Amino acid sequence: MCMLTFFVPGATPDLGALHNGAQFNPHGHGYALITGDTITTGHSLDQETAIGEFAALRIEYPHGPALFHSRFATHGVHDLDNCHPFPVGGDPRTILAHNGVLPAEVHPADNDPRSDTRIAAEDFLPTNPFGSLDSWAGREGLETWLRTDKLVVLTVDPAYRSHAYLFNEGRGHWDTGTGIWYSNSDYLDHDWLYQPDLGFRSCEFCGAADDEIVGPHCRLCGFCAECHNSFPHCDCAVLDGHDRYGDLIDREYA
């Protein structure tokens, strides 16, 4: 669900990787860079526009941390307002972007057009429900709440000790030597992720590797590589009976 990319200071974006992630997550794109004492952000429903703007800004401002996000919508309407990143509590000094599906308490009501991440940024996280993000307890509380999700926070607010925070870092992976962290494998050639005759190379939702032929569902988290829904919300037709998550879905919705 979505493609979240984080860049350490000095890291040069891999534009091919950003395009791959954007093609697989087509519901809007956004970026943020720390540019001195401020954070520069941008959003677009067009991937070429967003990537082009980000690439140009990164040349001008290479020395701070940065992020790029491409959205695969699970909650909220498909519009510019739901494109990551979002200011936390409306304060442009601190922004966040997220990969995954957040817990139910931030899911939108039927008449709420916002995404779960936008609700978290605007309403939930500004109340500091886990305490300071600079404390071990605060970090552990947030990562436990996120479950398998990943979250990046950039800030120039002096109330924070750091300019960048990466939560559930271990559930994504670093591109060795580049200083770039990816939330999942969508930045790679999409044909590499799942092939019916070969099975999973890597789950784009939780990052688990699996070389066995088990159908489109990740054996660790149940994510479906065909309809891109998390377990148990697969929308695919009945499968062949050899996929344990597919069997569970069949029984639940029979």
Protein backbone atom coordinates (compact mmCIF):
# COMPACT_ATOMS: atom_id res chain seq x y z
CA MET A 1 0.00 0.00 0.00
CA CYS A 2 1.78 3.11 -1.28
CA MET A 3 5.47 3.67 -1.90
CA LEU A 4 7.36 5.73 0.66
CA THR A 5 10.98 6.68 -0.03
CA PHE A 6 13.33 8.42 2.42
CA PHE A 7 16.61 10.12 1.53
CA VAL A 8 19.39 10.85 3.99
CA PRO A 9 21.22 14.17 3.61
CA GLY A 10 23.24 14.13 0.40
CA ALA A 11 21.40 11.16 -1.16
CA THR A 12 20.64 11.54 -4.88
CA PRO A 13 17.21 10.25 -5.97
CA ASP A 14 16.98 7.26 -8.29
CA LEU A 15 14.41 8.64 -10.74
CA GLY A 16 13.79 5.24 -12.30
CA ALA A 17 12.90 3.85 -8.88
CA LEU A 18 10.53 6.76 -8.22
CA HIS A 19 8.82 6.15 -11.58
CA ASN A 20 8.42 2.45 -10.81
CA GLY A 21 6.83 3.23 -7.45
CA ALA A 22 4.57 5.87 -8.98
CA GLN A 23 3.29 3.53 -11.70
CA PHE A 24 2.34 0.90 -9.13
CA ASN A 25 0.77 3.50 -6.80
CA PRO A 26 -1.06 5.88 -9.13
CA HIS A 27 -3.44 7.80 -6.85
CA GLY A 28 -1.32 10.90 -6.23
CA HIS A 29 2.24 11.83 -5.37
CA GLY A 30 4.07 14.18 -3.06
CA TYR A 31 7.45 15.12 -1.68
CA ALA A 32 9.14 17.05 1.10
CA LEU A 33 12.67 18.39 1.56
CA ILE A 34 14.22 20.24 4.45
CA THR A 35 15.43 23.47 2.88
CA GLY A 36 17.27 25.35 5.58
CA ASP A 37 14.86 26.50 8.28
CA THR A 38 11.76 25.42 6.37
CA ILE A 39 10.28 22.34 4.74
CA THR A 40 9.41 22.57 1.06
CA THR A 41 6.57 20.29 -0.01
CA GLY A 42 4.71 19.59 -3.23
CA HIS A 43 1.82 17.44 -4.41
CA SER A 44 0.47 16.37 -7.77
CA LEU A 45 -1.89 13.79 -9.22
CA ASP A 46 0.55 13.52 -12.15
CA GLN A 47 3.68 11.47 -11.47
CA GLU A 48 5.84 13.23 -14.05
CA THR A 49 5.09 16.62 -12.52
CA ALA A 50 5.82 15.48 -8.97
CA ILE A 51 9.02 13.61 -9.82
CA GLY A 52 10.29 16.45 -12.01
CA GLU A 53 9.69 19.06 -9.32
CA PHE A 54 11.31 16.89 -6.66
CA ALA A 55 14.37 16.14 -8.80
CA ALA A 56 14.92 19.83 -9.51
CA LEU A 57 14.55 20.80 -5.85
CA ARG A 58 16.90 18.02 -4.74
CA ILE A 59 19.62 19.43 -6.98
CA GLU A 60 19.12 22.82 -5.34
CA TYR A 61 18.79 21.45 -1.79
CA PRO A 62 20.85 18.24 -1.51
CA HIS A 63 22.03 18.62 2.08
CA GLY A 64 18.92 17.86 4.14
CA PRO A 65 16.76 14.76 4.54
CA ALA A 66 13.89 14.33 2.09
CA LEU A 67 11.04 12.01 1.18
CA PHE A 68 8.89 11.08 -1.80
CA HIS A 69 5.51 9.33 -1.64
CA SER A 70 3.23 7.69 -4.19
CA ARG A 71 -0.25 6.75 -3.01
CA PHE A 72 -2.29 3.59 -3.43
CA ALA A 73 -5.62 4.70 -1.97
CA THR A 74 -7.35 2.52 0.64
CA HIS A 75 -9.39 5.22 2.43
CA GLY A 76 -10.52 8.65 1.35
CA VAL A 77 -11.19 10.14 -2.05
CA HIS A 78 -8.62 10.28 -4.86
CA ASP A 79 -7.74 13.97 -4.81
CA LEU A 80 -4.85 16.33 -4.21
CA ASP A 81 -5.83 16.97 -0.59
CA ASN A 82 -5.21 13.30 0.26
CA CYS A 83 -1.73 13.19 -1.27
CA HIS A 84 1.10 12.75 1.24
CA PRO A 85 2.91 14.36 2.97
CA PHE A 86 0.69 16.07 5.53
CA PRO A 87 1.50 18.74 8.14
CA VAL A 88 1.08 17.46 11.68
CA GLY A 89 -1.64 19.44 13.40
CA GLY A 90 -1.57 22.00 10.62
CA ASP A 91 1.98 23.09 11.51
CA PRO A 92 4.10 23.26 8.31
CA ARG A 93 7.28 22.83 10.39
CA THR A 94 6.51 19.12 10.85
CA ILE A 95 5.20 16.79 8.14
CA LEU A 96 4.65 13.07 7.77
CA ALA A 97 4.11 10.43 5.09
CA HIS A 98 3.01 6.84 5.61
CA ASN A 99 2.94 3.41 3.99
CA GLY A 100 0.28 0.86 4.92
CA VAL A 101 -3.22 0.87 6.41
CA LEU A 102 -3.55 2.56 9.80
CA PRO A 103 -5.69 1.22 12.69
CA ALA A 104 -9.46 1.67 12.74
CA GLU A 105 -9.52 4.69 15.05
CA VAL A 106 -8.27 6.90 12.21
CA HIS A 107 -10.39 5.42 9.43
CA PRO A 108 -12.74 8.03 7.93
CA ALA A 109 -16.46 8.08 8.69
CA ASP A 110 -18.83 7.59 5.77
CA ASN A 111 -19.11 11.32 5.13
CA ASP A 112 -15.41 12.09 5.66
CA PRO A 113 -13.43 12.42 2.39
CA ARG A 114 -10.05 12.26 4.15
CA SER A 115 -7.61 9.36 4.09
CA ASP A 116 -6.59 7.50 7.23
CA THR A 117 -3.12 9.10 7.15
CA ARG A 118 -4.54 12.58 6.77
CA ILE A 119 -6.84 12.01 9.76
CA ALA A 120 -3.88 10.75 11.78
CA ALA A 121 -1.84 13.84 10.88
CA GLU A 122 -4.64 16.33 11.48
CA ASP A 123 -6.50 14.87 14.46
CA PHE A 124 -4.80 11.91 16.15
CA LEU A 125 -1.03 12.36 16.33
CA PRO A 126 -1.12 16.08 17.34
CA THR A 127 -2.54 14.92 20.71
CA ASN A 128 0.79 13.11 21.37
CA PRO A 129 -0.94 9.81 22.20
CA PHE A 130 2.39 8.00 22.65
CA GLY A 131 4.42 10.78 24.23
CA SER A 132 7.55 12.38 22.83
CA LEU A 133 8.92 10.85 19.65
CA ASP A 134 12.38 11.51 21.08
CA SER A 135 11.75 9.05 23.91
CA TRP A 136 12.08 5.28 23.69
CA ALA A 137 8.57 4.89 25.08
CA GLY A 138 7.12 7.28 22.52
CA ARG A 139 8.88 5.61 19.63
CA GLU A 140 7.93 2.11 20.79
CA GLY A 141 4.32 3.16 21.34
CA LEU A 142 4.01 4.63 17.86
CA GLU A 143 5.69 1.67 16.16
CA THR A 144 3.44 -0.77 18.03
CA TRP A 145 0.38 1.20 16.93
CA LEU A 146 1.64 1.21 13.33
CA ARG A 147 2.00 -2.60 13.38
CA THR A 148 3.63 -3.41 10.00
CA ASP A 149 3.16 0.12 8.64
CA LYS A 150 6.01 2.58 8.09
CA LEU A 151 6.09 6.30 8.80
CA VAL A 152 8.54 9.12 8.06
CA VAL A 153 8.46 12.45 9.90
CA LEU A 154 10.47 15.48 8.81
CA THR A 155 10.62 18.53 11.04
CA VAL A 156 12.34 21.88 11.54
CA ASP A 157 10.50 22.50 14.81
CA PRO A 158 13.13 23.10 17.54
CA ALA A 159 10.96 21.13 19.95
CA TYR A 160 12.30 17.98 18.26
CA ARG A 161 15.87 16.73 18.68
CA SER A 162 16.23 15.50 15.08
CA HIS A 163 15.14 16.67 11.66
CA ALA A 164 14.07 13.21 10.47
CA TYR A 165 12.37 10.20 12.10
CA LEU A 166 11.89 6.82 10.44
CA PHE A 167 9.46 4.47 12.19
CA ASN A 168 9.44 0.71 11.60
CA GLU A 169 12.62 1.16 9.60
CA GLY A 170 13.35 -2.56 9.74
CA ARG A 171 10.16 -3.38 7.84
CA GLY A 172 11.49 -1.51 4.82
CA HIS A 173 14.97 -1.76 3.39
CA TRP A 174 17.96 0.39 2.49
CA ASP A 175 19.51 0.48 -0.95
CA THR A 176 23.09 -0.20 0.10
CA GLY A 177 25.46 2.66 -0.51
CA THR A 178 22.90 5.20 -1.78
CA GLY A 179 21.42 6.48 1.48
CA ILE A 180 17.92 5.73 0.21
CA TRP A 181 15.33 3.77 2.21
CA TYR A 182 12.28 2.18 0.56
CA SER A 183 9.14 1.10 2.43
CA ASN A 184 8.62 -1.90 0.11
CA SER A 185 9.71 -3.31 -3.24
CA ASP A 186 7.49 -1.26 -5.55
CA TYR A 187 10.53 0.74 -6.67
CA LEU A 188 11.84 -2.36 -8.46
CA ASP A 189 10.69 -3.72 -11.79
CA HIS A 190 7.07 -4.70 -11.07
CA ASP A 191 7.34 -8.00 -12.92
CA TRP A 192 9.88 -9.05 -10.29
CA LEU A 193 7.42 -8.81 -7.42
CA TYR A 194 4.96 -11.56 -8.30
CA GLN A 195 4.76 -13.98 -11.19
CA PRO A 196 2.06 -16.71 -11.23
CA ASP A 197 4.55 -19.39 -12.34
CA LEU A 198 7.25 -18.39 -9.83
CA GLY A 199 5.40 -17.07 -6.77
CA PHE A 200 6.58 -14.14 -4.65
CA ARG A 201 9.98 -12.55 -4.87
CA SER A 202 9.01 -10.04 -2.16
CA CYS A 203 5.75 -8.82 -0.64
CA GLU A 204 5.28 -5.14 -1.43
CA PHE A 205 3.17 -4.69 1.72
CA CYS A 206 5.33 -6.19 4.48
CA GLY A 207 8.59 -6.85 2.58
CA ALA A 208 8.72 -10.60 3.29
CA ALA A 209 10.60 -12.71 0.76
CA ASP A 210 9.07 -15.98 -0.45
CA ASP A 211 10.36 -18.16 -3.27
CA GLU A 212 7.65 -20.82 -3.00
CA ILE A 213 4.61 -21.00 -5.27
CA VAL A 214 1.71 -20.02 -2.99
CA GLY A 215 -0.54 -17.91 -5.21
CA PRO A 216 -0.92 -14.15 -4.96
CA HIS A 217 -1.10 -13.93 -1.15
CA CYS A 218 1.91 -13.26 1.03
CA ARG A 219 2.29 -16.16 3.47
CA LEU A 220 3.35 -13.80 6.27
CA CYS A 221 0.72 -11.04 6.17
CA GLY A 222 -1.87 -12.22 3.61
CA PHE A 223 -1.52 -9.20 1.30
CA CYS A 224 -2.80 -9.94 -2.22
CA ALA A 225 -0.47 -8.99 -5.06
CA GLU A 226 -3.30 -9.10 -7.60
CA CYS A 227 -6.01 -6.89 -6.07
CA HIS A 228 -3.60 -5.08 -3.69
CA ASN A 229 -5.80 -5.53 -0.63
CA SER A 230 -4.66 -6.60 2.82
CA PHE A 231 -5.99 -9.76 4.46
CA PRO A 232 -8.88 -10.54 4.73
CA HIS A 233 -10.16 -8.02 2.18
CA CYS A 234 -9.10 -9.80 -1.01
CA ASP A 235 -11.44 -9.05 -3.93
CA CYS A 236 -10.14 -11.82 -6.20
CA ALA A 237 -12.25 -14.72 -7.43
CA VAL A 238 -12.04 -18.15 -5.80
CA LEU A 239 -8.52 -19.54 -6.04
CA ASP A 240 -7.25 -23.08 -6.54
CA GLY A 241 -7.23 -24.27 -2.92
CA HIS A 242 -3.43 -24.28 -2.52
CA ASP A 243 -3.17 -20.80 -1.00
CA ARG A 244 -3.85 -20.85 2.74
CA TYR A 245 -4.92 -17.21 2.82
CA GLY A 246 -7.10 -17.75 -0.21
CA ASP A 247 -8.72 -20.71 1.55
CA LEU A 248 -9.40 -18.60 4.65
CA ILE A 249 -10.95 -15.85 2.53
CA ASP A 250 -13.11 -18.37 0.69
CA ARG A 251 -14.43 -19.77 3.98
CA GLU A 252 -15.02 -16.36 5.54
CA TYR A 253 -17.02 -14.99 2.63
CA ALA A 254 -18.74 -18.23 1.52
